[in-house]
C-alpha cells in the first residue's frame, strides 16, 4: 500500500468481498480478514444487473462463491462498457 499512496492510487473493495468473508467458518480468520478489508474504500454505485444478465455474460452461477466472483468480474468490467 505504500506505493499506492506514493503514486496516488486508490484501492477499493466490492461488497462481494465481504460476502465471501462472511461465509468463512473460521471466526478468527474472518475477523482478521475483515480488519484488513476495513482499510479500503468500498465501491459504490456499480450498475445492478439481473441474474439472467449475469449468467448471459459470465456463465452459470452454481454457488454463492460463484455469485461473489461474478460480482467482482462485473466491477472490473463496468469501466469498459
Protein backbone atom coordinates (compact mmCIF):
# COMPACT_ATOMS: atom_id res chain seq x y z
CA UNK A 1 0.00 0.00 0.00
CA UNK A 2 2.84 2.48 0.46
CA UNK A 3 3.45 2.51 -3.29
CA UNK A 4 -0.22 3.19 -3.92
CA UNK A 5 -0.07 6.20 -1.63
CA UNK A 6 3.15 7.38 -3.22
CA UNK A 7 1.58 7.33 -6.69
CA UNK A 8 -1.92 8.45 -5.71
CA UNK A 9 -3.59 5.12 -6.48
CA UNK A 10 -6.78 4.37 -4.56
CA UNK A 11 -7.71 0.80 -3.69
CA UNK A 12 -11.31 -0.34 -3.30
CA UNK A 13 -13.18 -3.49 -2.31
CA UNK A 14 -16.57 -4.62 -3.59
CA UNK A 15 -19.33 -5.91 -1.32
CA UNK A 16 -18.78 -9.40 -2.73
CA UNK A 17 -15.51 -9.49 -0.80
CA UNK A 18 -17.46 -9.09 2.45
CA UNK A 19 -19.96 -11.75 1.37
CA UNK A 20 -17.09 -14.19 0.78
CA UNK A 21 -15.59 -13.47 4.18
CA UNK A 22 -18.96 -13.86 5.92
CA UNK A 23 -19.09 -17.47 4.67
CA UNK A 24 -15.75 -18.32 6.31
CA UNK A 25 -16.46 -20.78 9.15
CA UNK A 26 -13.28 -19.81 11.00
CA UNK A 27 -14.34 -16.84 13.15
CA UNK A 28 -10.80 -15.80 13.99
CA UNK A 29 -9.69 -15.76 10.35
CA UNK A 30 -12.93 -13.98 9.44
CA UNK A 31 -12.21 -11.22 11.99
CA UNK A 32 -8.64 -10.78 10.75
CA UNK A 33 -9.77 -10.57 7.13
CA UNK A 34 -12.50 -8.05 7.95
CA UNK A 35 -9.98 -5.88 9.78
CA UNK A 36 -7.79 -5.90 6.67
CA UNK A 37 -10.70 -5.06 4.37
CA UNK A 38 -11.66 -2.14 6.62
CA UNK A 39 -8.54 -0.29 5.41
CA UNK A 40 -10.03 0.09 1.94
CA UNK A 41 -12.86 2.13 0.50
CA UNK A 42 -15.96 0.28 -0.66
CA UNK A 43 -17.03 0.54 -4.29
CA UNK A 44 -20.37 2.26 -4.66
CA UNK A 45 -22.75 2.99 -7.50
CA UNK A 46 -21.99 -0.03 -9.64
CA UNK A 47 -24.65 -0.96 -12.18
CA UNK A 48 -27.15 -3.52 -10.95
CA UNK A 49 -27.82 -6.48 -13.21
CA UNK A 50 -30.40 -9.22 -13.12
CA UNK A 51 -29.38 -12.80 -12.53
CA UNK A 52 -30.19 -13.61 -16.17
CA UNK A 53 -27.90 -10.81 -17.38
CA UNK A 54 -25.09 -12.07 -15.16
CA UNK A 55 -25.47 -15.64 -16.40
CA UNK A 56 -25.59 -14.50 -20.02
CA UNK A 57 -22.37 -12.58 -19.63
CA UNK A 58 -20.33 -14.72 -17.23
CA UNK A 59 -21.85 -18.21 -17.37
CA UNK A 60 -23.70 -20.36 -14.86
CA UNK A 61 -23.74 -19.31 -11.22
CA UNK A 62 -23.82 -22.52 -9.21
CA UNK A 63 -22.92 -21.32 -5.72
CA UNK A 64 -22.64 -18.26 -3.53
CA UNK A 65 -18.90 -18.27 -4.22
CA UNK A 66 -19.65 -18.12 -7.95
CA UNK A 67 -22.05 -15.23 -7.29
CA UNK A 68 -19.33 -13.30 -5.44
CA UNK A 69 -16.84 -13.99 -8.23
CA UNK A 70 -19.29 -12.71 -10.83
CA UNK A 71 -19.89 -9.54 -8.83
CA UNK A 72 -16.14 -8.94 -8.76
CA UNK A 73 -15.94 -9.53 -12.52
CA UNK A 74 -18.80 -7.06 -13.00
CA UNK A 75 -16.92 -4.45 -11.00
CA UNK A 76 -13.90 -4.86 -13.25
CA UNK A 77 -15.98 -4.90 -16.43
CA UNK A 78 -18.15 -1.89 -15.67
CA UNK A 79 -15.37 0.52 -16.58
CA UNK A 80 -15.18 -0.96 -20.08
CA UNK A 81 -18.83 -0.79 -21.06
